[in-house]
C-alpha cells in the first residue's frame, strides 16, 4: 500500500492536519485465524458498488412499458462474502440521493437475482431520458460498506501463526469500530485528529508518538522515545488552545 512517509508525513503529524494524504486504519479481528471471517468483515467495511456485483444492467423497451433489468451475480456475492440480498439492494437504490423520486413501487423482484426498475407514471413523456439517467447512476450506487472507505486489504502475519487483520484505506474510524467482528482494542488509525475526536486526547497523544517513531524507523533512524513523548506532551497539554483551530 502506498503510504506517505518521510518529511511530508512528519509535517502532517506535527501540524495535526485534519485529513492526512493517505489515511489508514489498521483493524484487528475478533477471530484472527479464520480467513473466511476476515473476508466477511472486509465485505462489511469496504465500499461495494452495485456495478461490481451485477452481471449486467439492460434497458428493456416493450410496446406499453420500458424498464431497466438488473441481473445480480450471486456467485460473486458469495465469493466476496457480502451480506447483501436483492431486498437490501432495493433499499440501497431507493435511499440513494442521486436516485431522486424513486419509490419502492417502481422496483420489482422477479427472482432471487433479477430486479426491475420502472419509471414513474408521472414521467411518461420523459421515459427514454429517465431510463438513460437511471442506467448511468445505478452502477455507482453503494450497496454495502462504509461510504468513506475506498479499500480494505486483508494481511496475514506468518510469524504469528497466520494472524489476519485489515488495512483500511480512508476515514471513518468510528464506523469501523462499530462493525460487528472488529476487535476495537487492536484497531488504530494514523489520523491523529480523527483519533482525538473518537477516543480522546490521550489516544491522540499515543498516536503522535507511534506515528513519529514508525516514520523515522522506516528510514532507519532510531529515536529515544522520551524525546517523542516530550513533543507529544507539548502538542496536547492544552487541548483547547492547540487543537481548537483544527476542529472549527
Protein backbone atom coordinates (compact mmCIF):
# COMPACT_ATOMS: atom_id res chain seq x y z
CA UNK A 1 0.00 0.00 0.00
CA UNK A 2 1.26 3.46 -0.91
CA UNK A 3 1.63 5.29 2.43
CA UNK A 4 3.05 8.79 2.78
CA UNK A 5 6.34 8.70 4.73
CA UNK A 6 9.43 10.83 5.22
CA UNK A 7 9.37 14.60 5.73
CA UNK A 8 5.81 15.06 4.33
CA UNK A 9 4.47 12.59 6.88
CA UNK A 10 6.37 14.20 9.77
CA UNK A 11 4.92 17.58 8.75
CA UNK A 12 1.40 16.10 8.74
CA UNK A 13 1.86 14.76 12.27
CA UNK A 14 3.44 17.91 13.72
CA UNK A 15 0.84 20.20 12.11
CA UNK A 16 -2.04 17.92 13.17
CA UNK A 17 -3.59 18.11 9.70
CA UNK A 18 -7.30 17.44 9.58
CA UNK A 19 -7.05 14.95 6.70
CA UNK A 20 -3.70 13.20 6.01
CA UNK A 21 -2.82 12.45 2.40
CA UNK A 22 -3.07 8.67 2.97
CA UNK A 23 -5.41 7.96 5.91
CA UNK A 24 -5.08 4.35 7.08
CA UNK A 25 -6.94 2.34 9.71
CA UNK A 26 -5.41 -0.90 10.99
CA UNK A 27 -8.28 -3.07 12.20
CA UNK A 28 -7.91 -6.12 14.42
CA UNK A 29 -10.38 -9.01 14.20
CA UNK A 30 -12.14 -10.96 16.92
CA UNK A 31 -11.35 -14.23 15.10
CA UNK A 32 -7.82 -13.58 13.84
CA UNK A 33 -7.10 -17.01 12.35
CA UNK A 34 -10.18 -17.60 10.17
CA UNK A 35 -9.69 -16.33 6.56
CA UNK A 36 -13.42 -16.63 5.77
CA UNK A 37 -14.25 -14.47 8.78
CA UNK A 38 -11.70 -11.89 7.61
CA UNK A 39 -13.31 -11.76 4.14
CA UNK A 40 -16.75 -11.33 5.72
CA UNK A 41 -15.57 -8.36 7.80
CA UNK A 42 -13.81 -6.91 4.74
CA UNK A 43 -17.16 -7.04 2.91
CA UNK A 44 -18.84 -5.16 5.77
CA UNK A 45 -16.25 -2.36 5.67
CA UNK A 46 -15.18 -1.94 2.04
CA UNK A 47 -17.40 0.19 -0.16
CA UNK A 48 -19.12 -2.03 -2.74
CA UNK A 49 -20.97 -0.68 -5.76
CA UNK A 50 -23.95 -2.24 -7.50
CA UNK A 51 -21.99 -2.41 -10.75
CA UNK A 52 -19.39 -4.66 -9.09
CA UNK A 53 -21.89 -7.39 -8.22
CA UNK A 54 -24.10 -7.17 -11.33
CA UNK A 55 -23.72 -9.29 -14.45
CA UNK A 56 -25.43 -6.60 -16.49
CA UNK A 57 -27.87 -3.66 -16.33
CA UNK A 58 -30.00 -3.59 -19.50
CA UNK A 59 -32.69 -1.36 -20.95
CA UNK A 60 -35.89 -3.15 -21.93
CA UNK A 61 -38.43 -1.50 -24.24
CA UNK A 62 -41.87 -3.01 -24.76
CA UNK A 63 -44.94 -1.75 -26.56
CA UNK A 64 -46.54 -0.47 -23.36
CA UNK A 65 -43.65 -0.23 -20.93
CA UNK A 66 -39.93 0.37 -20.54
CA UNK A 67 -37.70 -0.52 -17.60
CA UNK A 68 -34.19 -1.47 -16.51
CA UNK A 69 -33.28 -5.10 -15.87
CA UNK A 70 -30.61 -5.64 -13.19
CA UNK A 71 -29.06 -9.12 -13.18
CA UNK A 72 -27.14 -9.84 -9.96
CA UNK A 73 -24.04 -12.06 -9.90
CA UNK A 74 -24.89 -14.33 -6.96
CA UNK A 75 -21.67 -16.34 -7.32
CA UNK A 76 -19.58 -13.20 -6.95
CA UNK A 77 -21.62 -12.10 -3.93
CA UNK A 78 -20.97 -15.48 -2.26
CA UNK A 79 -17.28 -15.39 -3.19
CA UNK A 80 -16.83 -11.92 -1.67
CA UNK A 81 -18.78 -12.96 1.47
CA UNK A 82 -21.07 -9.96 1.03
CA UNK A 83 -24.05 -9.89 3.34
CA UNK A 84 -26.46 -8.45 0.79
CA UNK A 85 -29.71 -9.66 -0.73
CA UNK A 86 -31.89 -8.42 -3.55
CA UNK A 87 -34.16 -6.77 -0.97
CA UNK A 88 -31.27 -4.92 0.70
CA UNK A 89 -30.11 -3.76 -2.74
CA UNK A 90 -33.59 -2.36 -3.44
CA UNK A 91 -33.36 -0.44 -0.15
CA UNK A 92 -29.99 0.99 -1.20
CA UNK A 93 -31.38 2.11 -4.57
CA UNK A 94 -34.35 3.91 -3.00
CA UNK A 95 -32.22 5.56 -0.29
CA UNK A 96 -29.52 6.81 -2.68
CA UNK A 97 -29.70 10.59 -3.01
CA UNK A 98 -28.91 10.54 -6.74
CA UNK A 99 -31.96 8.38 -7.48
CA UNK A 100 -34.39 11.23 -6.93
CA UNK A 101 -38.10 10.41 -6.56
CA UNK A 102 -37.57 6.65 -6.99
CA UNK A 103 -40.15 4.79 -4.89
CA UNK A 104 -40.42 1.19 -3.78
CA UNK A 105 -43.39 0.60 -6.12
CA UNK A 106 -41.10 1.25 -9.10
CA UNK A 107 -38.83 -1.68 -8.16
CA UNK A 108 -39.84 -5.31 -8.54
CA UNK A 109 -38.06 -8.51 -7.54
CA UNK A 110 -38.64 -11.00 -10.36
CA UNK A 111 -36.39 -13.69 -8.85
CA UNK A 112 -33.55 -14.01 -6.36
CA UNK A 113 -31.13 -12.42 -8.85
CA UNK A 114 -33.25 -10.17 -11.09
CA UNK A 115 -34.52 -6.70 -10.17
CA UNK A 116 -36.52 -4.45 -12.50
CA UNK A 117 -36.70 -0.67 -12.19
CA UNK A 118 -39.65 1.04 -13.87
CA UNK A 119 -40.09 4.74 -14.49
CA UNK A 120 -42.70 6.71 -12.59
CA UNK A 121 -46.18 7.07 -14.12
CA UNK A 122 -45.77 10.85 -13.91
CA UNK A 123 -42.79 10.77 -16.27
CA UNK A 124 -44.33 9.04 -19.29
CA UNK A 125 -43.21 11.79 -21.66
CA UNK A 126 -39.61 11.54 -20.47
CA UNK A 127 -39.27 7.77 -20.14
CA UNK A 128 -36.35 7.41 -22.53
CA UNK A 129 -34.17 10.05 -20.87
CA UNK A 130 -35.14 8.88 -17.38
CA UNK A 131 -34.12 5.30 -18.20
CA UNK A 132 -30.79 6.55 -19.58
CA UNK A 133 -30.14 8.57 -16.41
CA UNK A 134 -31.00 5.63 -14.14
CA UNK A 135 -28.68 3.35 -16.12
CA UNK A 136 -25.82 5.82 -15.68
CA UNK A 137 -26.36 6.17 -11.92
CA UNK A 138 -27.15 2.57 -10.90
CA UNK A 139 -23.62 1.05 -11.26
CA UNK A 140 -22.25 3.70 -8.85
CA UNK A 141 -24.76 3.12 -6.04
CA UNK A 142 -23.13 1.90 -2.81
CA UNK A 143 -24.93 -1.25 -1.67
CA UNK A 144 -22.59 -2.30 1.17
CA UNK A 145 -19.78 -0.90 3.28
CA UNK A 146 -18.70 2.44 4.71
CA UNK A 147 -19.01 5.28 2.20
CA UNK A 148 -15.73 6.94 3.32
CA UNK A 149 -13.66 3.74 2.90
CA UNK A 150 -12.07 3.30 -0.51
CA UNK A 151 -10.48 -0.11 0.01
CA UNK A 152 -9.87 -2.78 2.65
CA UNK A 153 -6.98 -5.25 2.35
CA UNK A 154 -6.54 -8.46 4.33
CA UNK A 155 -2.99 -9.04 5.55
CA UNK A 156 -1.62 -12.25 7.05
CA UNK A 157 1.22 -12.30 9.59
CA UNK A 158 3.03 -15.61 9.01
CA UNK A 159 5.28 -15.06 12.07
CA UNK A 160 2.28 -15.11 14.41
CA UNK A 161 0.61 -18.23 13.09
CA UNK A 162 -1.20 -16.70 10.09
CA UNK A 163 -2.93 -13.98 12.10
CA UNK A 164 -5.28 -11.88 9.95
CA UNK A 165 -6.00 -8.18 10.18
CA UNK A 166 -7.32 -5.47 7.87
CA UNK A 167 -5.71 -2.37 6.39
CA UNK A 168 -8.50 0.10 5.64
CA UNK A 169 -7.81 2.98 3.25
CA UNK A 170 -9.89 6.04 4.09
CA UNK A 171 -11.53 7.69 7.05
CA UNK A 172 -14.30 6.51 9.35
CA UNK A 173 -12.64 5.17 12.50
CA UNK A 174 -15.89 5.46 14.45
CA UNK A 175 -17.78 3.46 11.81
CA UNK A 176 -15.06 0.78 11.64
CA UNK A 177 -15.08 0.40 15.43
CA UNK A 178 -18.84 -0.15 15.26
CA UNK A 179 -18.62 -3.04 12.78
CA UNK A 180 -19.52 -6.41 14.30
CA UNK A 181 -16.44 -8.65 14.34
CA UNK A 182 -13.86 -5.85 14.79
CA UNK A 183 -11.60 -6.01 17.84
CA UNK A 184 -11.70 -2.37 18.99
CA UNK A 185 -8.74 -2.88 21.35
CA UNK A 186 -6.50 -3.78 18.39
CA UNK A 187 -7.75 -1.08 15.99
CA UNK A 188 -5.73 2.08 15.31
CA UNK A 189 -5.66 4.97 12.84
CA UNK A 190 -2.83 7.14 11.55
CA UNK A 191 -5.15 10.20 11.53
CA UNK A 192 -4.39 12.00 14.79
CA UNK A 193 -7.36 14.35 14.59
CA UNK A 194 -9.82 11.53 13.92
CA UNK A 195 -8.42 9.55 16.86
CA UNK A 196 -8.82 12.65 19.04
CA UNK A 197 -12.46 13.09 18.02
CA UNK A 198 -13.29 9.41 18.55
CA UNK A 199 -11.15 8.31 21.50
CA UNK A 200 -9.89 11.45 23.24
CA UNK A 201 -6.68 13.36 23.74
CA UNK A 202 -4.69 10.56 25.42
CA UNK A 203 -5.28 8.32 22.41
CA UNK A 204 -4.24 11.18 20.11
CA UNK A 205 -1.02 11.62 22.12
CA UNK A 206 -0.23 7.92 21.75
CA UNK A 207 -0.92 8.13 18.01
CA UNK A 208 1.53 11.04 17.63
CA UNK A 209 4.25 9.05 19.41
CA UNK A 210 3.67 5.83 17.47
CA UNK A 211 3.45 7.54 14.07
CA UNK A 212 6.64 9.58 14.52
CA UNK A 213 8.60 6.57 15.75
CA UNK A 214 7.28 4.39 12.90
CA UNK A 215 8.04 7.01 10.24
CA UNK A 216 11.59 7.54 11.46
CA UNK A 217 12.22 3.81 11.88
CA UNK A 218 11.06 3.17 8.29
CA UNK A 219 14.03 5.28 7.16
CA UNK A 220 16.46 3.55 9.52
CA UNK A 221 16.55 6.37 12.07
CA UNK A 222 16.38 5.36 15.71
CA UNK A 223 14.94 7.74 18.32
CA UNK A 224 14.80 7.74 22.08
CA UNK A 225 11.05 7.55 22.62
CA UNK A 226 11.31 10.02 25.52
CA UNK A 227 12.10 12.84 23.09
CA UNK A 228 8.99 11.99 21.08
CA UNK A 229 6.91 11.74 24.25
CA UNK A 230 8.01 15.25 25.20
CA UNK A 231 6.96 16.55 21.78
CA UNK A 232 3.57 14.79 22.05
CA UNK A 233 3.07 16.24 25.54
CA UNK A 234 3.81 19.72 24.23
CA UNK A 235 1.26 19.31 21.40
CA UNK A 236 -1.53 18.01 23.63
CA UNK A 237 -1.14 19.50 27.11
CA UNK A 238 -3.56 22.34 26.28
CA UNK A 239 -6.15 20.62 24.14
CA UNK A 240 -8.42 23.60 23.56
CA UNK A 241 -5.64 26.04 22.66
CA UNK A 242 -3.66 23.81 20.30
CA UNK A 243 -6.49 21.87 18.62
CA UNK A 244 -9.29 24.44 18.53
CA UNK A 245 -8.39 25.88 15.13
CA UNK A 246 -8.39 22.41 13.53
CA UNK A 247 -11.81 21.50 14.90
CA UNK A 248 -13.68 24.62 13.76
